[in-house]
Each structure stands twice: as C-alpha cells, then as structure tokens.
PDB file of N, CA and C in Angstrom:
ATOM      1  N   UNK A   1       0.848  -1.177   0.000  1.00  0.00           N
ATOM      2  CA  UNK A   1       0.000   0.000   0.000  1.00  0.00           C
ATOM      3  C   UNK A   1       0.893   1.240   0.000  1.00  0.00           C
ATOM      4  N   UNK A   2       0.498   2.222  -0.778  1.00  0.00           N
ATOM      5  CA  UNK A   2       1.245   3.477  -0.814  1.00  0.00           C
ATOM      6  C   UNK A   2       0.417   4.593  -0.197  1.00  0.00           C
ATOM      7  N   UNK A   3       1.118   5.416   0.564  1.00  0.00           N
ATOM      8  CA  UNK A   3       0.489   6.546   1.236  1.00  0.00           C
ATOM      9  C   UNK A   3       1.295   7.809   0.960  1.00  0.00           C
ATOM     10  N   UNK A   4       0.595   8.922   0.847  1.00  0.00           N
ATOM     11  CA  UNK A   4       1.229  10.220   0.720  1.00  0.00           C
ATOM     12  C   UNK A   4       1.041  10.946   2.039  1.00  0.00           C
ATOM     13  N   UNK A   5       2.144  11.298   2.667  1.00  0.00           N
ATOM     14  CA  UNK A   5       2.128  12.069   3.900  1.00  0.00           C
ATOM     15  C   UNK A   5       2.491  13.499   3.525  1.00  0.00           C
ATOM     16  N   UNK A   6       1.491  14.391   3.579  1.00  0.00           N
ATOM     17  CA  UNK A   6       1.690  15.787   3.183  1.00  0.00           C
ATOM     18  C   UNK A   6       1.948  16.636   4.420  1.00  0.00           C
ATOM     19  N   UNK A   7       3.040  17.356   4.406  1.00  0.00           N
ATOM     20  CA  UNK A   7       3.459  18.162   5.548  1.00  0.00           C
ATOM     21  C   UNK A   7       2.844  19.555   5.421  1.00  0.00           C
ATOM     22  N   UNK A   8       2.026  19.908   6.394  1.00  0.00           N
ATOM     23  CA  UNK A   8       1.408  21.235   6.417  1.00  0.00           C
ATOM     24  C   UNK A   8       2.193  22.130   7.369  1.00  0.00           C
ATOM     25  N   UNK A   9       2.536  23.316   6.879  1.00  0.00           N
ATOM     26  CA  UNK A   9       3.311  24.262   7.676  1.00  0.00           C
ATOM     27  C   UNK A   9       2.704  25.654   7.572  1.00  0.00           C
ATOM     28  N   UNK A  10       3.064  26.505   8.509  1.00  0.00           N
ATOM     29  CA  UNK A  10       2.795  27.928   8.413  1.00  0.00           C
ATOM     30  C   UNK A  10       4.077  28.530   7.863  1.00  0.00           C
ATOM     31  N   UNK A  11       4.073  28.851   6.577  1.00  0.00           N
ATOM     32  CA  UNK A  11       5.317  29.322   5.965  1.00  0.00           C
ATOM     33  C   UNK A  11       5.727  30.705   6.418  1.00  0.00           C
ATOM     34  N   UNK A  12       4.867  31.386   7.175  1.00  0.00           N
ATOM     35  CA  UNK A  12       5.205  32.708   7.700  1.00  0.00           C
ATOM     36  C   UNK A  12       5.735  32.655   9.125  1.00  0.00           C
ATOM     37  N   UNK A  13       6.013  31.447   9.628  1.00  0.00           N
ATOM     38  CA  UNK A  13       6.483  31.307  11.008  1.00  0.00           C
ATOM     39  C   UNK A  13       7.904  31.835  11.196  1.00  0.00           C
ATOM     40  N   UNK A  14       8.668  31.912  10.119  1.00  0.00           N
ATOM     41  CA  UNK A  14      10.043  32.378  10.219  1.00  0.00           C
ATOM     42  C   UNK A  14      11.033  31.296  10.615  1.00  0.00           C
ATOM     43  N   UNK A  15      10.537  30.100  10.918  1.00  0.00           N
ATOM     44  CA  UNK A  15      11.426  28.996  11.289  1.00  0.00           C
ATOM     45  C   UNK A  15      12.098  28.406  10.055  1.00  0.00           C
ATOM     46  N   UNK A  16      13.379  28.175  10.184  1.00  0.00           N
ATOM     47  CA  UNK A  16      14.135  27.496   9.137  1.00  0.00           C
ATOM     48  C   UNK A  16      14.744  26.237   9.734  1.00  0.00           C
ATOM     49  N   UNK A  17      14.837  25.175   8.936  1.00  0.00           N
ATOM     50  CA  UNK A  17      15.433  23.943   9.465  1.00  0.00           C
ATOM     51  C   UNK A  17      16.879  24.171   9.904  1.00  0.00           C
ATOM     52  N   UNK A  18      17.197  23.713  11.103  1.00  0.00           N
ATOM     53  CA  UNK A  18      18.562  23.831  11.616  1.00  0.00           C
ATOM     54  C   UNK A  18      19.434  22.750  10.976  1.00  0.00           C
ATOM     55  N   UNK A  19      20.751  22.921  11.021  1.00  0.00           N
ATOM     56  CA  UNK A  19      21.637  21.859  10.535  1.00  0.00           C
ATOM     57  C   UNK A  19      21.384  20.526  11.254  1.00  0.00           C
ATOM     58  N   UNK A  20      21.075  20.578  12.558  1.00  0.00           N
ATOM     59  CA  UNK A  20      20.793  19.346  13.306  1.00  0.00           C
ATOM     60  C   UNK A  20      19.523  18.671  12.794  1.00  0.00           C
ATOM     61  N   UNK A  21      18.483  19.468  12.547  1.00  0.00           N
ATOM     62  CA  UNK A  21      17.242  18.911  12.012  1.00  0.00           C
ATOM     63  C   UNK A  21      17.496  18.262  10.656  1.00  0.00           C
ATOM     64  N   UNK A  22      18.254  18.917   9.810  1.00  0.00           N
ATOM     65  CA  UNK A  22      18.554  18.367   8.485  1.00  0.00           C
ATOM     66  C   UNK A  22      19.340  17.062   8.603  1.00  0.00           C
ATOM     67  N   UNK A  23      20.283  17.008   9.526  1.00  0.00           N
ATOM     68  CA  UNK A  23      21.074  15.784   9.728  1.00  0.00           C
ATOM     69  C   UNK A  23      20.197  14.652  10.252  1.00  0.00           C
ATOM     70  N   UNK A  24      19.352  14.958  11.240  1.00  0.00           N
ATOM     71  CA  UNK A  24      18.463  13.938  11.802  1.00  0.00           C
ATOM     72  C   UNK A  24      17.463  13.443  10.763  1.00  0.00           C
ATOM     73  N   UNK A  25      16.927  14.362   9.972  1.00  0.00           N
ATOM     74  CA  UNK A  25      15.988  13.987   8.928  1.00  0.00           C
ATOM     75  C   UNK A  25      16.694  13.130   7.872  1.00  0.00           C
ATOM     76  N   UNK A  26      17.918  13.485   7.550  1.00  0.00           N
ATOM     77  CA  UNK A  26      18.689  12.705   6.578  1.00  0.00           C
ATOM     78  C   UNK A  26      18.902  11.274   7.043  1.00  0.00           C
ATOM     79  N   UNK A  27      19.211  11.095   8.324  1.00  0.00           N
ATOM     80  CA  UNK A  27      19.395   9.740   8.878  1.00  0.00           C
ATOM     81  C   UNK A  27      18.107   8.934   8.793  1.00  0.00           C
ATOM     82  N   UNK A  28      16.992   9.556   9.170  1.00  0.00           N
ATOM     83  CA  UNK A  28      15.709   8.869   9.115  1.00  0.00           C
ATOM     84  C   UNK A  28      15.348   8.503   7.670  1.00  0.00           C
ATOM     85  N   UNK A  29      15.562   9.417   6.759  1.00  0.00           N
ATOM     86  CA  UNK A  29      15.248   9.147   5.354  1.00  0.00           C
ATOM     87  C   UNK A  29      16.122   8.026   4.804  1.00  0.00           C
ATOM     88  N   UNK A  30      17.395   8.010   5.159  1.00  0.00           N
ATOM     89  CA  UNK A  30      18.285   6.915   4.751  1.00  0.00           C
ATOM     90  C   UNK A  30      17.783   5.577   5.248  1.00  0.00           C
ATOM     91  N   UNK A  31      17.435   5.520   6.527  1.00  0.00           N
ATOM     92  CA  UNK A  31      16.949   4.285   7.142  1.00  0.00           C
ATOM     93  C   UNK A  31      15.690   3.773   6.440  1.00  0.00           C
ATOM     94  N   UNK A  32      14.714   4.653   6.256  1.00  0.00           N
ATOM     95  CA  UNK A  32      13.447   4.243   5.669  1.00  0.00           C
ATOM     96  C   UNK A  32      13.584   3.912   4.183  1.00  0.00           C
ATOM     97  N   UNK A  33      14.494   4.577   3.494  1.00  0.00           N
ATOM     98  CA  UNK A  33      14.752   4.249   2.088  1.00  0.00           C
ATOM     99  C   UNK A  33      15.392   2.865   1.992  1.00  0.00           C
ATOM    100  N   UNK A  34      16.354   2.599   2.846  1.00  0.00           N
ATOM    101  CA  UNK A  34      17.022   1.295   2.870  1.00  0.00           C
ATOM    102  C   UNK A  34      16.018   0.168   3.151  1.00  0.00           C
ATOM    103  N   UNK A  35      15.046   0.434   4.024  1.00  0.00           N
ATOM    104  CA  UNK A  35      14.018  -0.550   4.372  1.00  0.00           C
ATOM    105  C   UNK A  35      12.926  -0.671   3.306  1.00  0.00           C
ATOM    106  N   UNK A  36      12.969   0.202   2.282  1.00  0.00           N
ATOM    107  CA  UNK A  36      11.968   0.165   1.219  1.00  0.00           C
ATOM    108  C   UNK A  36      10.645   0.803   1.596  1.00  0.00           C
ATOM    109  N   UNK A  37      10.630   1.570   2.670  1.00  0.00           N
ATOM    110  CA  UNK A  37       9.386   2.193   3.131  1.00  0.00           C
ATOM    111  C   UNK A  37       9.220   3.625   2.648  1.00  0.00           C
ATOM    112  N   UNK A  38      10.331   4.289   2.325  1.00  0.00           N
ATOM    113  CA  UNK A  38      10.281   5.657   1.816  1.00  0.00           C
ATOM    114  C   UNK A  38      10.591   5.611   0.323  1.00  0.00           C
ATOM    115  N   UNK A  39       9.599   5.943  -0.493  1.00  0.00           N
ATOM    116  CA  UNK A  39       9.746   5.915  -1.944  1.00  0.00           C
ATOM    117  C   UNK A  39      10.337   7.227  -2.451  1.00  0.00           C
ATOM    118  N   UNK A  40       9.829   8.339  -1.914  1.00  0.00           N
ATOM    119  CA  UNK A  40      10.283   9.664  -2.354  1.00  0.00           C
ATOM    120  C   UNK A  40       9.904  10.679  -1.290  1.00  0.00           C
ATOM    121  N   UNK A  41      10.634  11.751  -1.219  1.00  0.00           N
ATOM    122  CA  UNK A  41      10.306  12.853  -0.316  1.00  0.00           C
ATOM    123  C   UNK A  41      10.947  14.126  -0.851  1.00  0.00           C
ATOM    124  N   UNK A  42      10.325  15.252  -0.542  1.00  0.00           N
ATOM    125  CA  UNK A  42      10.886  16.539  -0.945  1.00  0.00           C
ATOM    126  C   UNK A  42      10.172  17.654  -0.207  1.00  0.00           C
ATOM    127  N   UNK A  43      10.874  18.754  -0.057  1.00  0.00           N
ATOM    128  CA  UNK A  43      10.266  19.975   0.428  1.00  0.00           C
ATOM    129  C   UNK A  43       9.818  20.787  -0.775  1.00  0.00           C
ATOM    130  N   UNK A  44       8.909  21.706  -0.554  1.00  0.00           N
ATOM    131  CA  UNK A  44       8.406  22.542  -1.636  1.00  0.00           C
ATOM    132  C   UNK A  44       8.854  23.982  -1.432  1.00  0.00           C
ATOM    133  N   UNK A  45       9.038  24.696  -2.526  1.00  0.00           N
ATOM    134  CA  UNK A  45       9.407  26.104  -2.441  1.00  0.00           C
ATOM    135  C   UNK A  45       8.238  26.906  -1.871  1.00  0.00           C
ATOM    136  N   UNK A  46       8.491  28.097  -1.351  1.00  0.00           N
ATOM    137  CA  UNK A  46       7.413  28.918  -0.782  1.00  0.00           C
ATOM    138  C   UNK A  46       6.330  29.249  -1.810  1.00  0.00           C
ATOM    139  N   UNK A  47       5.126  29.538  -1.314  1.00  0.00           N
ATOM    140  CA  UNK A  47       4.025  29.862  -2.223  1.00  0.00           C
ATOM    141  C   UNK A  47       4.310  31.110  -3.051  1.00  0.00           C
ATOM    142  N   UNK A  48       5.205  31.977  -2.584  1.00  0.00           N
ATOM    143  CA  UNK A  48       5.573  33.164  -3.364  1.00  0.00           C
ATOM    144  C   UNK A  48       6.154  32.774  -4.720  1.00  0.00           C
ATOM    145  N   UNK A  49       6.681  31.563  -4.812  1.00  0.00           N
ATOM    146  CA  UNK A  49       7.260  31.088  -6.067  1.00  0.00           C
ATOM    147  C   UNK A  49       6.312  30.162  -6.826  1.00  0.00           C
ATOM    148  N   UNK A  50       5.094  29.996  -6.309  1.00  0.00           N
ATOM    149  CA  UNK A  50       4.137  29.072  -6.902  1.00  0.00           C
ATOM    150  C   UNK A  50       3.102  29.767  -7.760  1.00  0.00           C
ATOM    151  N   UNK A  51       2.332  28.955  -8.449  1.00  0.00           N
ATOM    152  CA  UNK A  51       1.238  29.414  -9.298  1.00  0.00           C
ATOM    153  C   UNK A  51       0.050  28.489  -9.095  1.00  0.00           C
ATOM    154  N   UNK A  52      -1.133  29.049  -9.019  1.00  0.00           N
ATOM    155  CA  UNK A  52      -2.358  28.260  -8.955  1.00  0.00           C
ATOM    156  C   UNK A  52      -3.075  28.356 -10.289  1.00  0.00           C
ATOM    157  N   UNK A  53      -3.487  27.218 -10.781  1.00  0.00           N
ATOM    158  CA  UNK A  53      -4.277  27.153 -12.000  1.00  0.00           C
ATOM    159  C   UNK A  53      -5.637  26.594 -11.583  1.00  0.00           C
ATOM    160  N   UNK A  54      -6.694  27.321 -11.884  1.00  0.00           N
ATOM    161  CA  UNK A  54      -8.032  26.957 -11.406  1.00  0.00           C
ATOM    162  C   UNK A  54      -8.993  26.845 -12.586  1.00  0.00           C
ATOM    163  N   UNK A  55      -9.865  25.836 -12.508  1.00  0.00           N
ATOM    164  CA  UNK A  55     -10.968  25.682 -13.455  1.00  0.00           C
ATOM    165  C   UNK A  55     -12.254  25.930 -12.688  1.00  0.00           C
ATOM    166  N   UNK A  56     -13.018  26.910 -13.109  1.00  0.00           N
ATOM    167  CA  UNK A  56     -14.273  27.243 -12.438  1.00  0.00           C
ATOM    168  C   UNK A  56     -15.288  27.661 -13.492  1.00  0.00           C
ATOM    169  N   UNK A  57     -16.401  26.971 -13.527  1.00  0.00           N
ATOM    170  CA  UNK A  57     -17.430  27.308 -14.508  1.00  0.00           C
ATOM    171  C   UNK A  57     -16.946  27.170 -15.932  1.00  0.00           C
ATOM    172  N   UNK A  58     -16.022  26.247 -16.158  1.00  0.00           N
ATOM    173  CA  UNK A  58     -15.499  26.023 -17.508  1.00  0.00           C
ATOM    174  C   UNK A  58     -14.417  26.998 -17.932  1.00  0.00           C
ATOM    175  N   UNK A  59     -14.035  27.925 -17.042  1.00  0.00           N
ATOM    176  CA  UNK A  59     -13.003  28.909 -17.382  1.00  0.00           C
ATOM    177  C   UNK A  59     -11.759  28.673 -16.548  1.00  0.00           C
ATOM    178  N   UNK A  60     -10.618  28.785 -17.193  1.00  0.00           N
ATOM    179  CA  UNK A  60      -9.334  28.628 -16.523  1.00  0.00           C
ATOM    180  C   UNK A  60      -8.799  29.986 -16.087  1.00  0.00           C
ATOM    181  N   UNK A  61      -8.202  30.016 -14.916  1.00  0.00           N
ATOM    182  CA  UNK A  61      -7.518  31.226 -14.465  1.00  0.00           C
ATOM    183  C   UNK A  61      -6.184  30.818 -13.862  1.00  0.00           C
ATOM    184  N   UNK A  62      -5.251  31.730 -13.899  1.00  0.00           N
ATOM    185  CA  UNK A  62      -3.900  31.495 -13.384  1.00  0.00           C
ATOM    186  C   UNK A  62      -3.557  32.637 -12.430  1.00  0.00           C
ATOM    187  N   UNK A  63      -3.073  32.280 -11.226  1.00  0.00           N
ATOM    188  CA  UNK A  63      -2.695  33.289 -10.235  1.00  0.00           C
ATOM    189  C   UNK A  63      -1.327  32.937  -9.663  1.00  0.00           C
ATOM    190  N   UNK A  64      -0.450  33.915  -9.671  1.00  0.00           N
ATOM    191  CA  UNK A  64       0.875  33.730  -9.082  1.00  0.00           C
ATOM    192  C   UNK A  64       0.818  33.974  -7.578  1.00  0.00           C
ATOM    193  N   UNK A  65       1.688  33.254  -6.838  1.00  0.00           N
ATOM    194  CA  UNK A  65       1.772  33.415  -5.397  1.00  0.00           C
ATOM    195  C   UNK A  65       2.448  34.716  -5.045  1.00  0.00           C
ATOM    196  N   UNK A  66       2.502  35.066  -3.788  1.00  0.00           N
ATOM    197  CA  UNK A  66       2.111  34.236  -2.643  1.00  0.00           C
ATOM    198  C   UNK A  66       0.600  34.212  -2.476  1.00  0.00           C
ATOM    199  N   UNK A  67       0.129  33.199  -1.772  1.00  0.00           N
ATOM    200  CA  UNK A  67      -1.295  33.010  -1.552  1.00  0.00           C
ATOM    201  C   UNK A  67      -1.591  33.385  -0.110  1.00  0.00           C
ATOM    202  N   UNK A  68      -1.851  34.647   0.114  1.00  0.00           N
ATOM    203  CA  UNK A  68      -1.968  35.181   1.471  1.00  0.00           C
ATOM    204  C   UNK A  68      -3.162  34.640   2.227  1.00  0.00           C
ATOM    205  N   UNK A  69      -4.190  34.169   1.537  1.00  0.00           N
ATOM    206  CA  UNK A  69      -5.367  33.657   2.244  1.00  0.00           C
ATOM    207  C   UNK A  69      -5.110  32.305   2.890  1.00  0.00           C
ATOM    208  N   UNK A  70      -4.032  31.652   2.522  1.00  0.00           N
ATOM    209  CA  UNK A  70      -3.722  30.330   3.082  1.00  0.00           C
ATOM    210  C   UNK A  70      -2.897  30.485   4.356  1.00  0.00           C
ATOM    211  N   UNK A  71      -3.424  29.978   5.479  1.00  0.00           N
ATOM    212  CA  UNK A  71      -2.680  30.025   6.731  1.00  0.00           C
ATOM    213  C   UNK A  71      -1.680  28.885   6.803  1.00  0.00           C
ATOM    214  N   UNK A  72      -2.089  27.721   6.321  1.00  0.00           N
ATOM    215  CA  UNK A  72      -1.202  26.566   6.288  1.00  0.00           C
ATOM    216  C   UNK A  72      -1.083  26.111   4.848  1.00  0.00           C
ATOM    217  N   UNK A  73       0.110  25.722   4.465  1.00  0.00           N
ATOM    218  CA  UNK A  73       0.350  25.256   3.105  1.00  0.00           C
ATOM    219  C   UNK A  73       1.110  23.936   3.154  1.00  0.00           C
ATOM    220  N   UNK A  74       1.071  23.213   2.063  1.00  0.00           N
ATOM    221  CA  UNK A  74       1.859  21.995   1.955  1.00  0.00           C
ATOM    222  C   UNK A  74       3.313  22.412   1.756  1.00  0.00           C
ATOM    223  N   UNK A  75       4.152  22.045   2.711  1.00  0.00           N
ATOM    224  CA  UNK A  75       5.560  22.425   2.669  1.00  0.00           C
ATOM    225  C   UNK A  75       6.463  21.310   2.178  1.00  0.00           C
ATOM    226  N   UNK A  76       5.914  20.113   2.076  1.00  0.00           N
ATOM    227  CA  UNK A  76       6.689  18.966   1.620  1.00  0.00           C
ATOM    228  C   UNK A  76       5.837  17.718   1.670  1.00  0.00           C
ATOM    229  N   UNK A  77       6.449  16.610   1.281  1.00  0.00           N
ATOM    230  CA  UNK A  77       5.704  15.358   1.264  1.00  0.00           C
ATOM    231  C   UNK A  77       6.657  14.185   1.440  1.00  0.00           C
ATOM    232  N   UNK A  78       6.084  13.050   1.803  1.00  0.00           N
ATOM    233  CA  UNK A  78       6.806  11.775   1.816  1.00  0.00           C
ATOM    234  C   UNK A  78       5.874  10.735   1.202  1.00  0.00           C
ATOM    235  N   UNK A  79       6.365  10.009   0.218  1.00  0.00           N
ATOM    236  CA  UNK A  79       5.625   8.922  -0.394  1.00  0.00           C
ATOM    237  C   UNK A  79       6.092   7.630   0.264  1.00  0.00           C
ATOM    238  N   UNK A  80       5.169   6.954   0.947  1.00  0.00           N
ATOM    239  CA  UNK A  80       5.508   5.791   1.765  1.00  0.00           C
ATOM    240  C   UNK A  80       4.923   4.511   1.192  1.00  0.00           C
ATOM    241  N   UNK A  81       5.643   3.413   1.348  1.00  0.00           N
ATOM    242  CA  UNK A  81       5.177   2.074   0.987  1.00  0.00           C
ATOM    243  C   UNK A  81       5.099   1.287   2.286  1.00  0.00           C
ATOM    244  N   UNK A  82       3.876   0.951   2.702  1.00  0.00           N
ATOM    245  CA  UNK A  82       3.695   0.264   3.981  1.00  0.00           C
ATOM    246  C   UNK A  82       2.676  -0.862   3.843  1.00  0.00           C
ATOM    247  N   UNK A  83       2.615  -1.686   4.861  1.00  0.00           N
ATOM    248  CA  UNK A  83       1.667  -2.800   4.880  1.00  0.00           C
ATOM    249  C   UNK A  83       0.274  -2.356   5.313  1.00  0.00           C
ATOM    250  N   UNK A  84       0.174  -1.176   5.968  1.00  0.00           N
ATOM    251  CA  UNK A  84      -1.115  -0.729   6.481  1.00  0.00           C
ATOM    252  C   UNK A  84      -1.113   0.787   6.678  1.00  0.00           C
ATOM    253  N   UNK A  85      -2.309   1.323   6.853  1.00  0.00           N
ATOM    254  CA  UNK A  85      -2.448   2.745   7.156  1.00  0.00           C
ATOM    255  C   UNK A  85      -1.804   3.048   8.504  1.00  0.00           C
ATOM    256  N   UNK A  86      -1.958   2.126   9.453  1.00  0.00           N
ATOM    257  CA  UNK A  86      -1.388   2.326  10.784  1.00  0.00           C
ATOM    258  C   UNK A  86       0.138   2.468  10.713  1.00  0.00           C
ATOM    259  N   UNK A  87       0.774   1.660   9.870  1.00  0.00           N
ATOM    260  CA  UNK A  87       2.229   1.770   9.718  1.00  0.00           C
ATOM    261  C   UNK A  87       2.604   3.108   9.087  1.00  0.00           C
ATOM    262  N   UNK A  88       1.828   3.566   8.111  1.00  0.00           N
ATOM    263  CA  UNK A  88       2.093   4.870   7.483  1.00  0.00           C
ATOM    264  C   UNK A  88       1.977   5.991   8.516  1.00  0.00           C
ATOM    265  N   UNK A  89       1.013   5.872   9.406  1.00  0.00           N
ATOM    266  CA  UNK A  89       0.841   6.876  10.462  1.00  0.00           C
ATOM    267  C   UNK A  89       2.033   6.839  11.422  1.00  0.00           C
ATOM    268  N   UNK A  90       2.492   5.657  11.786  1.00  0.00           N
ATOM    269  CA  UNK A  90       3.646   5.539  12.679  1.00  0.00           C
ATOM    270  C   UNK A  90       4.903   6.143  12.052  1.00  0.00           C
ATOM    271  N   UNK A  91       5.117   5.907  10.759  1.00  0.00           N
ATOM    272  CA  UNK A  91       6.281   6.497  10.081  1.00  0.00           C
ATOM    273  C   UNK A  91       6.156   8.015  10.036  1.00  0.00           C
ATOM    274  N   UNK A  92       4.946   8.505   9.809  1.00  0.00           N
ATOM    275  CA  UNK A  92       4.720   9.951   9.797  1.00  0.00           C
ATOM    276  C   UNK A  92       5.021  10.557  11.169  1.00  0.00           C
ATOM    277  N   UNK A  93       4.640   9.857  12.228  1.00  0.00           N
ATOM    278  CA  UNK A  93       4.964  10.324  13.577  1.00  0.00           C
ATOM    279  C   UNK A  93       6.473  10.431  13.767  1.00  0.00           C
ATOM    280  N   UNK A  94       7.218   9.487  13.205  1.00  0.00           N
ATOM    281  CA  UNK A  94       8.683   9.550  13.319  1.00  0.00           C
ATOM    282  C   UNK A  94       9.232  10.789  12.620  1.00  0.00           C
ATOM    283  N   UNK A  95       8.695  11.110  11.442  1.00  0.00           N
ATOM    284  CA  UNK A  95       9.114  12.322  10.734  1.00  0.00           C
ATOM    285  C   UNK A  95       8.820  13.558  11.574  1.00  0.00           C
ATOM    286  N   UNK A  96       7.653  13.604  12.185  1.00  0.00           N
ATOM    287  CA  UNK A  96       7.285  14.777  12.985  1.00  0.00           C
ATOM    288  C   UNK A  96       8.136  14.899  14.246  1.00  0.00           C
ATOM    289  N   UNK A  97       8.415  13.782  14.900  1.00  0.00           N
ATOM    290  CA  UNK A  97       9.223  13.826  16.140  1.00  0.00           C
ATOM    291  C   UNK A  97      10.614  14.414  15.902  1.00  0.00           C
ATOM    292  N   UNK A  98      11.166  14.195  14.727  1.00  0.00           N
ATOM    293  CA  UNK A  98      12.499  14.714  14.401  1.00  0.00           C
ATOM    294  C   UNK A  98      12.534  16.243  14.515  1.00  0.00           C
ATOM    295  N   UNK A  99      11.402  16.895  14.318  1.00  0.00           N
ATOM    296  CA  UNK A  99      11.352  18.356  14.331  1.00  0.00           C
ATOM    297  C   UNK A  99      11.536  18.965  15.716  1.00  0.00           C
ATOM    298  N   UNK A 100      11.292  18.208  16.762  1.00  0.00           N
ATOM    299  CA  UNK A 100      11.483  18.744  18.108  1.00  0.00           C
ATOM    300  C   UNK A 100      10.334  19.624  18.556  1.00  0.00           C
ATOM    301  N   UNK A 101      10.566  20.338  19.663  1.00  0.00           N
ATOM    302  CA  UNK A 101       9.509  21.105  20.320  1.00  0.00           C
ATOM    303  C   UNK A 101       9.224  22.474  19.696  1.00  0.00           C
ATOM    304  N   UNK A 102      10.162  23.028  18.946  1.00  0.00           N
ATOM    305  CA  UNK A 102       9.977  24.391  18.453  1.00  0.00           C
ATOM    306  C   UNK A 102       9.069  24.480  17.234  1.00  0.00           C
ATOM    307  N   UNK A 103       8.830  23.367  16.576  1.00  0.00           N
ATOM    308  CA  UNK A 103       8.031  23.368  15.352  1.00  0.00           C
ATOM    309  C   UNK A 103       6.578  23.006  15.645  1.00  0.00           C
ATOM    310  N   UNK A 104       5.669  23.631  14.913  1.00  0.00           N
ATOM    311  CA  UNK A 104       4.266  23.244  14.878  1.00  0.00           C
ATOM    312  C   UNK A 104       3.993  22.751  13.463  1.00  0.00           C
ATOM    313  N   UNK A 105       3.998  21.449  13.312  1.00  0.00           N
ATOM    314  CA  UNK A 105       3.886  20.829  11.994  1.00  0.00           C
ATOM    315  C   UNK A 105       2.763  19.804  12.049  1.00  0.00           C
ATOM    316  N   UNK A 106       2.042  19.690  10.948  1.00  0.00           N
ATOM    317  CA  UNK A 106       0.960  18.718  10.844  1.00  0.00           C
ATOM    318  C   UNK A 106       1.110  17.976   9.525  1.00  0.00           C
ATOM    319  N   UNK A 107       0.803  16.691   9.533  1.00  0.00           N
ATOM    320  CA  UNK A 107       0.822  15.908   8.299  1.00  0.00           C
ATOM    321  C   UNK A 107      -0.558  15.323   8.041  1.00  0.00           C
ATOM    322  N   UNK A 108      -0.928  15.287   6.800  1.00  0.00           N
ATOM    323  CA  UNK A 108      -2.136  14.599   6.363  1.00  0.00           C
ATOM    324  C   UNK A 108      -1.676  13.343   5.637  1.00  0.00           C
ATOM    325  N   UNK A 109      -2.153  12.186   6.077  1.00  0.00           N
ATOM    326  CA  UNK A 109      -1.753  10.898   5.502  1.00  0.00           C
ATOM    327  C   UNK A 109      -2.930  10.350   4.708  1.00  0.00           C
ATOM    328  N   UNK A 110      -2.707  10.107   3.404  1.00  0.00           N
ATOM    329  CA  UNK A 110      -3.770   9.591   2.541  1.00  0.00           C
ATOM    330  C   UNK A 110      -3.229   8.503   1.636  1.00  0.00           C
ATOM    331  N   UNK A 111      -4.021   7.461   1.477  1.00  0.00           N
ATOM    332  CA  UNK A 111      -3.622   6.344   0.627  1.00  0.00           C
ATOM    333  C   UNK A 111      -3.784   6.719  -0.836  1.00  0.00           C
ATOM    334  N   UNK A 112      -2.832   6.288  -1.655  1.00  0.00           N
ATOM    335  CA  UNK A 112      -2.935   6.474  -3.094  1.00  0.00           C
ATOM    336  C   UNK A 112      -3.839   5.397  -3.658  1.00  0.00           C
ATOM    337  N   UNK A 113      -4.709   5.792  -4.566  1.00  0.00           N
ATOM    338  CA  UNK A 113      -5.595   4.828  -5.207  1.00  0.00           C
ATOM    339  C   UNK A 113      -4.813   4.084  -6.283  1.00  0.00           C
ATOM    340  N   UNK A 114      -5.165   2.830  -6.476  1.00  0.00           N
ATOM    341  CA  UNK A 114      -4.592   2.064  -7.580  1.00  0.00           C
ATOM    342  C   UNK A 114      -5.402   2.367  -8.833  1.00  0.00           C
ATOM    343  N   UNK A 115      -4.855   2.081 -10.021  1.00  0.00           N
ATOM    344  CA  UNK A 115      -5.571   2.408 -11.262  1.00  0.00           C
ATOM    345  C   UNK A 115      -6.970   1.787 -11.363  1.00  0.00           C
ATOM    346  N   UNK A 116      -7.218   0.659 -10.701  1.00  0.00           N
ATOM    347  CA  UNK A 116      -8.528   0.010 -10.796  1.00  0.00           C
ATOM    348  C   UNK A 116      -9.528   0.500  -9.741  1.00  0.00           C
ATOM    349  N   UNK A 117      -9.111   1.414  -8.866  1.00  0.00           N
ATOM    350  CA  UNK A 117     -10.012   1.941  -7.833  1.00  0.00           C
ATOM    351  C   UNK A 117     -10.719   3.206  -8.338  1.00  0.00           C
ATOM    352  N   UNK A 118     -11.873   3.478  -7.731  1.00  0.00           N
ATOM    353  CA  UNK A 118     -12.589   4.722  -8.019  1.00  0.00           C
ATOM    354  C   UNK A 118     -12.734   5.502  -6.721  1.00  0.00           C
ATOM    355  N   UNK A 119     -13.101   6.747  -6.852  1.00  0.00           N
ATOM    356  CA  UNK A 119     -13.242   7.608  -5.678  1.00  0.00           C
ATOM    357  C   UNK A 119     -14.499   7.299  -4.874  1.00  0.00           C
ATOM    358  N   UNK A 120     -15.470   6.648  -5.448  1.00  0.00           N
ATOM    359  CA  UNK A 120     -16.751   6.480  -4.787  1.00  0.00           C
ATOM    360  C   UNK A 120     -16.827   5.288  -3.927  1.00  0.00           C
TER     361      UNK A 120
END
C-alpha cells in the first residue's frame, strides 16, 4: 500500500530547518529508504514562487503566489510504501518527532488509489 504524507506548515512562522534537524531527517530518510518504506520525499518552495491554476465554470484562471489567504500550506511530502495505514501513520509520527519542540507541523496521511479503484 502506498500513502502520501503531506506536511502542512505555516510558511510565515520564520522557522528554518537547523543543521541538526537536516542531519536527523537525513538519517531517518536513509533508514526508511534502505528498508523500502520511503519511496520519495521533498520539500516545496514557498508559495511566493508558486502558481495556482483553477478551473471554475469552464473557465481557466492562473494566479501567481504568494497566496496570502492560506494560513497553512503543503511544505513537503513523503511517499511511503507500507503494509497498512497504521504503519504509514507511525512512520509519519517519526518524521514529525524529528522536528522537536519548536516546530508546529501537521501531516495529512492519505492512501494512493490504484488504477482500478474509483473515488466512490
């Protein structure tokens, strides 16, 4: 089973990852990649560098960031391969614990659908 763990952050918090956080995260990512549980992960650039493309009423619109109405944004993701949703949640908890006490971070964990599945 594959799960996408989306990291939600307040990009206006002013917090930047410390060298220690980056080192600890690197160790965890190495471990989980070696175990075959981490398929891919990445951080995302700030919304100021992003663009939203919207379809509404059959019309397309394009808006450049930053997106000031958003309090929390997706700041990164981890694509996980696990035996269960519970295991994906446990791995996500490990990613969050690495951040320590100074960060307020939330992840949304959702299973990827297979090509033969439908949304309904």
